[in-house]
Protein backbone atom coordinates (compact mmCIF):
# COMPACT_ATOMS: atom_id res chain seq x y z
CA UNK A 1 49.86 62.08 73.60
CA UNK A 2 46.23 61.03 73.77
CA UNK A 3 43.24 62.79 72.66
CA UNK A 4 39.97 63.14 73.64
CA UNK A 5 37.67 63.15 69.82
CA UNK A 6 34.25 62.09 71.44
CA UNK A 7 33.12 63.47 74.41
CA UNK A 8 30.03 62.88 75.18
CA UNK A 9 29.15 64.80 78.79
CA UNK A 10 30.97 65.08 81.44
CA UNK A 11 31.61 68.65 83.07
CA UNK A 12 34.28 71.05 81.00
CA UNK A 13 37.89 71.03 82.19
CA UNK A 14 40.84 72.93 81.53
CA UNK A 15 42.84 70.07 80.06
CA UNK A 16 40.26 70.12 77.51
CA UNK A 17 41.94 72.88 75.79
CA UNK A 18 45.16 71.08 74.81
CA UNK A 19 43.96 67.73 74.81
CA UNK A 20 40.57 67.37 73.24
CA UNK A 21 40.70 68.04 69.35
CA UNK A 22 37.33 70.20 69.46
CA UNK A 23 39.27 72.72 71.14
CA UNK A 24 42.94 72.09 70.71
CA UNK A 25 43.51 74.61 67.40
CA UNK A 26 41.38 77.29 68.63
CA UNK A 27 43.40 77.40 71.75
CA UNK A 28 46.53 77.36 69.67
CA UNK A 29 45.41 80.34 67.78
CA UNK A 30 44.24 82.76 70.74
CA UNK A 31 47.59 81.55 71.93
CA UNK A 32 49.23 82.38 68.64
CA UNK A 33 47.36 85.77 68.27
CA UNK A 34 48.09 86.69 72.16
CA UNK A 35 51.86 86.62 71.20
CA UNK A 36 51.71 88.25 68.18
CA UNK A 37 49.76 91.23 69.51
CA UNK A 38 52.55 91.36 73.07
CA UNK A 39 55.44 91.50 70.26
CA UNK A 40 53.61 94.40 68.30
CA UNK A 41 52.74 95.99 71.33
CA UNK A 42 56.37 95.75 72.98
CA UNK A 43 57.99 96.60 69.32
CA UNK A 44 55.64 100.10 69.59
CA UNK A 45 56.29 100.84 73.02
CA UNK A 46 60.31 100.37 73.00
CA UNK A 47 60.29 102.45 69.58
CA UNK A 48 58.39 105.41 71.31
CA UNK A 49 60.57 105.16 73.94
CA UNK A 50 63.64 105.25 71.59
CA UNK A 51 62.29 108.77 70.26
CA UNK A 52 61.25 109.76 73.75
CA UNK A 53 64.95 109.36 74.52
CA UNK A 54 66.35 111.43 71.09
CA UNK A 55 63.72 114.28 72.06
CA UNK A 56 61.23 113.71 69.15
CA UNK A 57 57.12 112.66 69.86
CA UNK A 58 54.89 111.10 67.09
CA UNK A 59 52.62 113.16 65.49
CA UNK A 60 51.77 114.37 61.99
CA UNK A 61 51.15 118.05 62.43
CA UNK A 62 54.66 118.66 60.37
CA UNK A 63 52.03 117.65 57.30
CA UNK A 64 51.08 121.68 58.15
CA UNK A 65 54.23 122.85 57.29
CA UNK A 66 55.99 124.82 54.49
CA UNK A 67 57.00 122.19 51.56
CA UNK A 68 59.69 124.38 50.24
CA UNK A 69 60.29 122.52 46.98
CA UNK A 70 59.03 122.55 43.53
CA UNK A 71 57.54 119.56 41.96
CA UNK A 72 58.31 119.56 38.26
CA UNK A 73 55.36 116.87 37.05
CA UNK A 74 52.38 117.73 38.69
CA UNK A 75 48.36 117.92 37.92
CA UNK A 76 47.12 119.83 40.12
CA UNK A 77 48.49 123.25 41.01
CA UNK A 78 51.40 123.76 43.38
CA UNK A 79 54.26 126.08 44.77
CA UNK A 80 57.14 125.99 46.90
CA UNK A 81 54.59 127.39 49.22
CA UNK A 82 52.34 125.11 49.85
CA UNK A 83 52.49 122.42 52.83
CA UNK A 84 53.89 118.63 53.18
CA UNK A 85 50.43 117.39 53.09
CA UNK A 86 49.46 118.98 49.23
CA UNK A 87 53.12 118.13 48.03
CA UNK A 88 52.33 114.04 48.93
CA UNK A 89 49.04 114.67 47.54
CA UNK A 90 50.95 115.46 44.19
CA UNK A 91 53.13 112.50 44.75
CA UNK A 92 50.67 110.26 45.24
CA UNK A 93 48.80 111.49 42.10
CA UNK A 94 51.65 111.30 39.82
CA UNK A 95 51.95 107.72 41.37
CA UNK A 96 48.55 107.06 40.07
CA UNK A 97 48.82 108.19 36.94
CA UNK A 98 52.43 106.47 36.33
CA UNK A 99 50.13 102.95 37.63
CA UNK A 100 47.00 103.43 35.73
CA UNK A 101 48.97 104.13 32.70
CA UNK A 102 51.58 101.49 32.67
CA UNK A 103 49.22 98.77 33.30
CA UNK A 104 46.52 99.92 30.77
CA UNK A 105 50.22 100.10 28.05
CA UNK A 106 51.13 96.62 29.92
CA UNK A 107 47.88 94.91 28.99
CA UNK A 108 47.85 96.19 25.51
CA UNK A 109 51.37 94.90 24.93
CA UNK A 110 51.35 92.00 27.07
CA UNK A 111 48.35 90.89 25.46
CA UNK A 112 49.43 91.31 21.40
CA UNK A 113 53.35 89.76 22.66
CA UNK A 114 51.66 86.75 24.35
CA UNK A 115 49.66 85.99 21.41
CA UNK A 116 52.37 86.74 18.44
CA UNK A 117 54.43 83.97 20.37
CA UNK A 118 52.23 81.83 19.57
CA UNK A 119 52.21 82.82 15.67
CA UNK A 120 53.02 80.36 13.19
CA UNK A 121 55.39 82.74 11.25
CA UNK A 122 58.35 81.90 13.01
CA UNK A 123 60.05 85.04 12.53
CA UNK A 124 57.10 87.02 14.36
CA UNK A 125 57.27 84.05 17.09
CA UNK A 126 61.18 84.21 17.84
CA UNK A 127 61.51 88.27 16.93
CA UNK A 128 58.47 88.31 20.32
CA UNK A 129 60.51 85.60 22.35
CA UNK A 130 63.86 87.47 22.30
CA UNK A 131 61.67 90.78 23.35
CA UNK A 132 60.08 88.93 26.35
CA UNK A 133 63.42 86.87 27.55
CA UNK A 134 65.32 90.30 27.23
CA UNK A 135 62.94 92.33 29.15
CA UNK A 136 63.06 89.28 32.18
CA UNK A 137 66.67 89.19 32.96
CA UNK A 138 67.45 92.92 33.32
CA UNK A 139 66.14 94.89 36.00
CA UNK A 140 62.91 97.35 35.86
CA UNK A 141 65.95 99.88 37.23
CA UNK A 142 68.36 99.14 34.17
CA UNK A 143 65.35 99.77 31.90
CA UNK A 144 64.10 102.99 33.61
CA UNK A 145 67.78 104.83 33.66
CA UNK A 146 68.06 103.16 29.65
CA UNK A 147 64.67 104.69 28.80
CA UNK A 148 65.90 108.11 30.20
CA UNK A 149 69.31 107.86 28.25
CA UNK A 150 68.10 107.45 25.11
CA UNK A 151 65.50 110.32 25.64
CA UNK A 152 68.07 112.38 26.53
CA UNK A 153 70.54 111.86 23.93
CA UNK A 154 69.01 111.29 21.22
CA UNK A 155 66.00 113.48 21.07
CA UNK A 156 66.96 117.05 20.15
CA UNK A 157 67.31 120.44 21.92
CA UNK A 158 64.43 123.25 21.80
CA UNK A 159 67.08 125.63 20.01
CA UNK A 160 67.10 122.91 17.44
CA UNK A 161 63.38 124.19 16.24
CA UNK A 162 64.72 127.62 15.85
CA UNK A 163 66.24 129.72 13.13
CA UNK A 164 65.20 130.41 9.40
CA UNK A 165 66.40 126.32 8.82
CA UNK A 166 66.26 124.33 11.76
CA UNK A 167 67.14 121.01 12.11
CA UNK A 168 64.22 119.95 13.90
CA UNK A 169 60.61 120.39 13.01
CA UNK A 170 57.64 119.49 14.95
CA UNK A 171 55.16 116.69 13.94
CA UNK A 172 51.27 116.60 13.43
CA UNK A 173 50.70 119.64 11.34
CA UNK A 174 53.54 121.82 13.94
CA UNK A 175 51.28 120.66 16.97
CA UNK A 176 53.78 118.29 19.59
CA UNK A 177 57.38 118.91 19.62
CA UNK A 178 59.82 116.16 20.90
CA UNK A 179 62.67 117.70 22.49
CA UNK A 180 65.14 116.46 25.02
CA UNK A 181 63.77 118.09 27.90
CA UNK A 182 60.10 116.26 27.43
CA UNK A 183 57.43 116.05 24.34
CA UNK A 184 55.37 119.03 24.12
CA UNK A 185 51.35 118.14 23.08
CA UNK A 186 48.33 120.42 22.58
CA UNK A 187 46.44 121.04 25.73
CA UNK A 188 43.08 121.24 25.47
CA UNK A 189 41.07 124.01 26.86
CA UNK A 190 37.12 124.88 27.08
CA UNK A 191 35.82 128.82 26.41
CA UNK A 192 36.01 131.33 24.15
CA UNK A 193 39.48 133.02 22.92
CA UNK A 194 39.46 136.85 23.27
CA UNK A 195 41.09 138.78 20.19
CA UNK A 196 44.10 139.12 21.91
CA UNK A 197 44.35 135.24 21.87
CA UNK A 198 43.39 135.15 25.91
CA UNK A 199 41.73 132.25 27.19
CA UNK A 200 38.43 133.08 29.26
CA UNK A 201 36.34 130.90 30.34
CA UNK A 202 34.01 131.03 33.81
CA UNK A 203 33.34 127.49 33.84
CA UNK A 204 35.53 127.00 36.88
CA UNK A 205 35.77 127.34 40.51
CA UNK A 206 38.31 126.53 43.33
CA UNK A 207 37.60 124.26 46.21
CA UNK A 208 39.69 123.85 49.71
CA UNK A 209 39.79 120.79 52.15
CA UNK A 210 41.34 121.98 55.50
CA UNK A 211 43.84 119.28 57.29
CA UNK A 212 45.97 120.39 60.47
CA UNK A 213 45.16 124.00 61.14
CA UNK A 214 45.92 126.77 58.17
CA UNK A 215 46.79 123.72 55.96
CA UNK A 216 44.69 123.96 52.66
CA UNK A 217 44.17 121.17 49.85
CA UNK A 218 43.24 123.11 47.09
CA UNK A 219 41.88 122.05 43.66
CA UNK A 220 40.83 123.07 40.57
CA UNK A 221 36.57 122.47 39.83
CA UNK A 222 36.20 122.55 36.29
CA UNK A 223 32.50 122.66 35.73
CA UNK A 224 33.23 121.78 31.87
CA UNK A 225 35.13 118.51 33.31
CA UNK A 226 32.08 117.19 35.68
CA UNK A 227 29.59 118.36 32.46
CA UNK A 228 31.88 115.73 30.44
CA UNK A 229 32.10 113.18 32.72
CA UNK A 230 28.28 113.32 33.50
CA UNK A 231 27.46 112.98 30.00
CA UNK A 232 29.87 110.19 29.93
CA UNK A 233 28.53 108.21 32.67
CA UNK A 234 24.55 108.78 31.69
CA UNK A 235 25.91 107.21 28.19
CA UNK A 236 27.63 104.08 29.76
CA UNK A 237 24.22 103.65 32.02
CA UNK A 238 22.05 104.13 28.59
CA UNK A 239 24.34 101.91 26.50
CA UNK A 240 23.89 99.19 29.57
CA UNK A 241 20.29 99.20 29.21
CA UNK A 242 20.42 98.58 25.41
CA UNK A 243 22.95 95.46 26.09
CA UNK A 244 20.20 94.40 28.37
CA UNK A 245 17.06 94.28 26.48
CA UNK A 246 19.24 92.67 23.54
CA UNK A 247 20.31 90.53 26.46
CA UNK A 248 16.19 89.54 26.86
CA UNK A 249 15.09 89.54 23.02
CA UNK A 250 18.40 86.99 22.71
CA UNK A 251 16.96 84.95 25.05
CA UNK A 252 13.34 85.12 24.26
CA UNK A 253 13.74 84.61 20.54
CA UNK A 254 17.30 82.70 19.81
CA UNK A 255 18.48 85.69 17.67
CA UNK A 256 20.03 88.49 19.21
CA UNK A 257 19.86 92.71 17.53
CA UNK A 258 22.42 94.58 16.57
CA UNK A 259 23.04 97.24 18.54
CA UNK A 260 26.69 98.25 18.18
CA UNK A 261 25.95 101.50 16.63
CA UNK A 262 23.17 102.77 19.28
CA UNK A 263 25.37 101.71 21.77
CA UNK A 264 28.43 103.73 20.60
CA UNK A 265 25.95 106.45 19.22
CA UNK A 266 24.67 106.97 23.02
CA UNK A 267 27.65 107.44 24.32
CA UNK A 268 30.26 109.42 21.39
CA UNK A 269 27.49 111.31 19.99
CA UNK A 270 26.12 113.64 23.36
CA UNK A 271 29.87 113.87 24.09
CA UNK A 272 31.04 115.32 20.95
CA UNK A 273 28.05 117.81 20.74
CA UNK A 274 28.51 118.67 24.72
CA UNK A 275 32.12 119.47 23.19
CA UNK A 276 31.56 121.43 20.55
CA UNK A 277 29.13 124.20 23.23
CA UNK A 278 31.65 124.62 26.14
CA UNK A 279 34.05 125.70 23.08
CA UNK A 280 36.63 123.22 22.95
CA UNK A 281 40.01 124.20 21.22
CA UNK A 282 43.47 123.36 21.75
CA UNK A 283 46.37 125.33 22.70
CA UNK A 284 49.60 124.49 20.60
CA UNK A 285 52.82 124.88 22.42
CA UNK A 286 55.40 127.17 20.05
CA UNK A 287 58.73 127.82 20.88
CA UNK A 288 59.45 131.35 22.74
CA UNK A 289 62.86 132.36 24.11
CA UNK A 290 64.87 129.16 24.85
CA UNK A 291 62.09 126.55 25.44
CA UNK A 292 57.79 126.00 24.37
CA UNK A 293 55.36 127.41 26.10
CA UNK A 294 52.04 126.48 26.00
CA UNK A 295 50.72 123.44 25.63
CA UNK A 296 50.90 120.04 28.12
CA UNK A 297 54.54 119.11 28.67
CA UNK A 298 54.91 115.58 29.03
CA UNK A 299 58.71 115.53 31.01
CA UNK A 300 60.99 112.94 30.01
CA UNK A 301 61.02 111.50 33.52
CA UNK A 302 57.53 110.65 33.29
CA UNK A 303 57.70 109.43 29.67
CA UNK A 304 60.85 107.08 30.57
CA UNK A 305 59.57 105.67 33.59
CA UNK A 306 56.08 104.68 32.20
CA UNK A 307 57.61 103.63 28.76
CA UNK A 308 60.28 101.25 31.15
CA UNK A 309 57.92 99.92 33.61
CA UNK A 310 55.34 99.29 31.14
CA UNK A 311 57.49 97.49 28.57
CA UNK A 312 58.84 95.44 31.22
CA UNK A 313 55.55 94.33 33.28
CA UNK A 314 54.64 93.59 29.47
CA UNK A 315 56.97 91.23 29.19
CA UNK A 316 55.46 89.04 32.37
CA UNK A 317 52.09 89.37 30.74
CA UNK A 318 52.91 88.02 27.76
CA UNK A 319 54.07 85.09 29.34
CA UNK A 320 50.88 84.78 31.30
CA UNK A 321 48.38 85.71 28.27
CA UNK A 322 50.39 82.50 26.63
CA UNK A 323 50.34 80.23 29.25
CA UNK A 324 46.12 81.36 29.46
CA UNK A 325 46.23 80.15 25.80
CA UNK A 326 47.38 77.27 26.15
CA UNK A 327 45.54 75.98 28.72
CA UNK A 328 42.62 76.03 26.79
CA UNK A 329 41.71 72.86 24.90
CA UNK A 330 42.76 72.80 21.14
CA UNK A 331 39.45 70.85 20.94
CA UNK A 332 37.94 74.54 21.08
CA UNK A 333 39.77 76.19 18.54
CA UNK A 334 38.98 72.89 16.13
CA UNK A 335 35.22 73.28 16.57
CA UNK A 336 35.24 77.24 16.22
CA UNK A 337 37.42 75.99 13.10
CA UNK A 338 35.17 73.77 11.66
CA UNK A 339 32.01 76.18 12.14
CA UNK A 340 34.03 78.11 9.49
CA UNK A 341 35.14 81.21 11.75
CA UNK A 342 38.56 82.58 10.96
CA UNK A 343 41.48 81.89 12.96
CA UNK A 344 41.16 86.09 14.04
CA UNK A 345 37.63 85.53 15.56
CA UNK A 346 38.67 82.33 16.86
CA UNK A 347 40.58 84.07 18.97
CA UNK A 348 38.62 86.94 20.10
CA UNK A 349 35.32 84.68 20.15
CA UNK A 350 36.36 81.43 21.96
CA UNK A 351 40.30 80.82 23.31
CA UNK A 352 40.59 84.46 25.05
CA UNK A 353 37.07 84.81 26.84
CA UNK A 354 37.95 81.25 28.11
CA UNK A 355 41.58 82.39 29.15
CA UNK A 356 41.14 85.05 30.58
CA UNK A 357 39.98 82.70 33.77
CA UNK A 358 43.35 81.29 33.70
CA UNK A 359 44.86 84.92 32.64
CA UNK A 360 43.14 87.12 35.72
CA UNK A 361 44.71 86.26 38.77
CA UNK A 362 48.40 86.22 37.85
CA UNK A 363 47.57 89.18 36.22
CA UNK A 364 46.54 91.09 39.35
CA UNK A 365 50.02 90.18 40.43
CA UNK A 366 51.68 91.76 37.83
CA UNK A 367 49.44 95.18 38.11
CA UNK A 368 50.38 95.46 41.59
CA UNK A 369 54.30 95.14 40.99
CA UNK A 370 53.90 97.84 38.67
CA UNK A 371 52.48 99.78 41.03
CA UNK A 372 55.14 99.17 43.78
CA UNK A 373 58.01 99.72 41.13
CA UNK A 374 56.99 102.46 40.34
CA UNK A 375 58.49 104.04 43.60
CA UNK A 376 61.74 103.31 41.33
CA UNK A 377 61.16 106.96 39.95
CA UNK A 378 62.94 108.91 41.62
CA UNK A 379 66.50 107.37 39.44
CA UNK A 380 65.27 109.73 37.06
CA UNK A 381 64.09 112.40 39.23
CA UNK A 382 60.00 112.16 38.78
CA UNK A 383 58.21 113.31 41.78
CA UNK A 384 55.77 110.55 42.83
CA UNK A 385 55.23 109.48 46.28
CA UNK A 386 58.56 108.29 47.53
CA UNK A 387 60.26 111.03 45.77
CA UNK A 388 57.83 113.48 47.86
CA UNK A 389 56.77 112.08 51.62
CA UNK A 390 59.50 109.65 51.09
CA UNK A 391 62.47 111.60 49.86
CA UNK A 392 62.35 115.50 50.78
CA UNK A 393 59.58 115.96 53.34
CA UNK A 394 61.61 112.95 54.85
CA UNK A 395 64.74 115.09 54.56
CA UNK A 396 63.39 118.35 55.68
CA UNK A 397 61.36 117.40 58.71
CA UNK A 398 63.55 114.26 60.11
CA UNK A 399 59.86 112.65 60.80
CA UNK A 400 61.16 108.85 59.47
CA UNK A 401 58.85 107.09 61.10
CA UNK A 402 55.63 109.39 60.24
CA UNK A 403 56.73 109.43 56.48
CA UNK A 404 57.71 105.72 56.17
CA UNK A 405 54.31 104.58 57.94
CA UNK A 406 52.48 106.89 55.68
CA UNK A 407 54.14 105.95 53.16
CA UNK A 408 53.10 102.43 53.26
CA UNK A 409 50.17 102.75 54.35
CA UNK A 410 48.83 104.40 51.22
CA UNK A 411 50.66 101.60 49.08
CA UNK A 412 48.83 99.16 50.84
CA UNK A 413 45.54 100.84 50.19
CA UNK A 414 46.52 101.32 46.71
CA UNK A 415 47.55 97.49 46.48
CA UNK A 416 44.22 96.31 47.80
CA UNK A 417 42.04 98.96 45.99
CA UNK A 418 43.70 97.11 42.89
CA UNK A 419 43.15 93.73 44.18
CA UNK A 420 39.80 94.18 44.98
CA UNK A 421 38.43 95.74 41.48
CA UNK A 422 40.43 92.99 39.86
CA UNK A 423 38.79 90.49 42.18
CA UNK A 424 35.15 91.79 41.29
CA UNK A 425 36.25 91.46 37.65
CA UNK A 426 37.69 87.63 38.15
CA UNK A 427 34.31 86.70 39.71
CA UNK A 428 32.30 87.96 36.84
CA UNK A 429 34.24 86.24 34.20
CA UNK A 430 34.52 83.03 36.30
CA UNK A 431 31.90 79.83 35.42
CA UNK A 432 28.80 79.66 37.62
CA UNK A 433 27.41 76.96 38.73
CA UNK A 434 23.75 76.37 37.69
C-alpha cells in the first residue's frame, strides 16, 4: 500500500489520515482509544443493568453502617459498634504497617545475604545460596502458614509462666514474654504515674472526621508524639544544613570537615531531652489471670506474616544485590584496594553506591510484590485491608462490586506511592551529565 510521506501544499483530504504517514499513527491511536472507551462504557453499562435486575444499586453508603466484628491487631481504638469505614481504615493501617516493616527487614536481610553470597568463605557462600534457593522456590503462602505453626507449637503458653517453679520465664529483665499467643513487650508511656500506679497524662486529644452522615473516623491525637516528631524533623533539617555547609567547605578547600558528631547530636540530644521532660516510661506486661496484661501485644499472626514476607522477599533482594555488585567493574575494587582501603570500606564506599543504580529499579518491583503479597494475611487471621473490606465487610453487606473496586483502588494508590518514592530516590543516585 502506497503512502504519502512528503506532501507539499495542496488541501487536506480525509484519505490522508490513513495514507499519509504524518497522520497515520495519530489516527490509529485515536481509533484505539475510542474503541477502548466504548468497551469500558459497555462493561459499566452492562454491570449496572445486571445489578438493577438483581435489585441492587451502586453506592458506598454501606460504609457508614455498623461493622459488628472485631479486629484483633490494631493501631487505633476500635469496637464492633464502629462503622465499616473505620474497620476498613484499621485494615489499611495494618496493611501499611506490614508493608513498611516488611520492606525494611527484607532490604536489610537481602543486602547482607547478597553480599555474603559473594564471600570468599566457601561455607558462608553455600549457606546463603541454600537460603536463597529454599525461599525463592517455595510459595510464600506456605512460608506464612509454616511460620504461624512454628510460633504456635514451639512457644510456651501463658500458663507456663505461672507458679513457684514456672517452666518458662520472661526475657530481658522480665520485660518481654514469648508465648504461643504472641509476644508481649513494654509499652512506651508519657506523663506521670500516681501513687496507685495509674497512668495520667493531659497531653492527648480526640479528632473526628465525619463521612457518610453519622459515621465518624476517630483518631487519638497525642501531643507528646507531635512534639517528638516535630523535634525529630527539626533535627533532621539542621543536620541537612550542616551537611550542605560541609559540602561547600569541601568544594572550596578540598578538605571535608568532620561533622558526624554534630549531625548526630542535633538529632539525638533534643529528642532525648524532650523524652525526659515528657516523662517517658515503659509499661511492663504482667501475668494476670490466664494471660498477660499491659504492654504491647504483638500477635502471632502479625509476627508470622512479617517474618515470612520479609525472609521470602529478602531472597529475591539478595539476588538483585548480588547482580548489582557483579555489574560493577572489578577495576573499581582493584583501584580502591591499591589506595589501601579495606574490603569492608571498599564495599560500602565504592561498590554499593555504584551498584545502587542497578539495584534500585528491580528493588521497586520487590517492594510492590511484598505489599501485594500482604493480602495473604487472611490465611493466618491477620486483619489487613483484604480481611476487613474484602472479607467480612463484603460478606455482611453483599456489596461485591463496591468493595472490590475500592480495595483495588487503595492497593493501586499504595503501589503508585511506593513507585513514586523509589523513583525519586533512583533519580537522586543516577549518573548526571555535566
